[in-house]
């Protein structure tokens, strides 16, 4: 039977916080830098924090 182990990709944290940087135009037509942060599930374990070995 497979045994569960802590995910080597995220260390059990289930994902990482990502930061997206872009430039957007405001209502006056000026370009403004924009920064957004979001949580992204780990691509190795799919956000479970564990993998089957």
C-alpha atoms as a PDB file:
ATOM      1  CA  UNK A   1       0.000   0.000   0.000  1.00  0.00           C
ATOM      2  CA  UNK A   2       1.226   3.506  -0.807  1.00  0.00           C
ATOM      3  CA  UNK A   3       2.366   5.675   2.052  1.00  0.00           C
ATOM      4  CA  UNK A   4       1.743   9.420   2.349  1.00  0.00           C
ATOM      5  CA  UNK A   5       4.742  11.719   2.604  1.00  0.00           C
ATOM      6  CA  UNK A   6       5.081  15.475   2.899  1.00  0.00           C
ATOM      7  CA  UNK A   7       5.137  17.008  -0.567  1.00  0.00           C
ATOM      8  CA  UNK A   8       8.703  17.812  -1.679  1.00  0.00           C
ATOM      9  CA  UNK A   9       7.421  20.652  -3.867  1.00  0.00           C
ATOM     10  CA  UNK A  10       5.748  22.772  -1.186  1.00  0.00           C
ATOM     11  CA  UNK A  11       7.024  21.202   2.030  1.00  0.00           C
ATOM     12  CA  UNK A  12       3.444  20.557   3.164  1.00  0.00           C
ATOM     13  CA  UNK A  13       2.351  24.197   2.826  1.00  0.00           C
ATOM     14  CA  UNK A  14      -0.162  23.181   0.094  1.00  0.00           C
ATOM     15  CA  UNK A  15       0.886  26.025  -2.205  1.00  0.00           C
ATOM     16  CA  UNK A  16       2.581  29.379  -2.445  1.00  0.00           C
ATOM     17  CA  UNK A  17       1.629  33.023  -2.541  1.00  0.00           C
ATOM     18  CA  UNK A  18       2.259  34.462  -5.988  1.00  0.00           C
ATOM     19  CA  UNK A  19       2.587  38.115  -6.973  1.00  0.00           C
ATOM     20  CA  UNK A  20       1.503  39.390 -10.375  1.00  0.00           C
ATOM     21  CA  UNK A  21       2.880  42.681 -11.703  1.00  0.00           C
ATOM     22  CA  UNK A  22       1.267  44.591 -14.561  1.00  0.00           C
ATOM     23  CA  UNK A  23       0.689  48.079 -15.911  1.00  0.00           C
ATOM     24  CA  UNK A  24      -2.869  49.362 -16.329  1.00  0.00           C
ATOM     25  CA  UNK A  25      -4.307  52.573 -17.707  1.00  0.00           C
ATOM     26  CA  UNK A  26      -6.288  54.678 -15.225  1.00  0.00           C
ATOM     27  CA  UNK A  27      -9.435  56.697 -16.157  1.00  0.00           C
ATOM     28  CA  UNK A  28      -7.255  59.745 -16.972  1.00  0.00           C
ATOM     29  CA  UNK A  29      -5.228  57.735 -19.504  1.00  0.00           C
ATOM     30  CA  UNK A  30      -2.076  57.430 -17.384  1.00  0.00           C
ATOM     31  CA  UNK A  31      -0.291  54.133 -16.984  1.00  0.00           C
ATOM     32  CA  UNK A  32      -0.070  52.917 -13.404  1.00  0.00           C
ATOM     33  CA  UNK A  33       1.862  49.929 -12.004  1.00  0.00           C
ATOM     34  CA  UNK A  34      -0.418  47.348 -10.396  1.00  0.00           C
ATOM     35  CA  UNK A  35       0.554  44.506  -8.073  1.00  0.00           C
ATOM     36  CA  UNK A  36      -1.821  41.687  -7.105  1.00  0.00           C
ATOM     37  CA  UNK A  37      -1.131  38.785  -4.755  1.00  0.00           C
ATOM     38  CA  UNK A  38      -2.938  35.458  -4.855  1.00  0.00           C
ATOM     39  CA  UNK A  39      -2.617  31.927  -3.504  1.00  0.00           C
ATOM     40  CA  UNK A  40      -1.701  29.178  -5.953  1.00  0.00           C
ATOM     41  CA  UNK A  41      -2.003  25.484  -5.083  1.00  0.00           C
ATOM     42  CA  UNK A  42       1.138  23.384  -5.418  1.00  0.00           C
ATOM     43  CA  UNK A  43       1.493  21.798  -8.850  1.00  0.00           C
ATOM     44  CA  UNK A  44       3.192  18.699  -7.393  1.00  0.00           C
ATOM     45  CA  UNK A  45       0.531  17.668  -4.844  1.00  0.00           C
ATOM     46  CA  UNK A  46      -2.459  19.620  -6.171  1.00  0.00           C
ATOM     47  CA  UNK A  47      -2.817  21.502  -2.901  1.00  0.00           C
ATOM     48  CA  UNK A  48      -3.103  18.495  -0.580  1.00  0.00           C
ATOM     49  CA  UNK A  49       0.329  18.941   1.028  1.00  0.00           C
ATOM     50  CA  UNK A  50       1.120  15.230   0.708  1.00  0.00           C
ATOM     51  CA  UNK A  51       2.138  12.801  -2.028  1.00  0.00           C
ATOM     52  CA  UNK A  52       1.742   9.026  -2.283  1.00  0.00           C
ATOM     53  CA  UNK A  53       4.971   7.009  -2.352  1.00  0.00           C
END
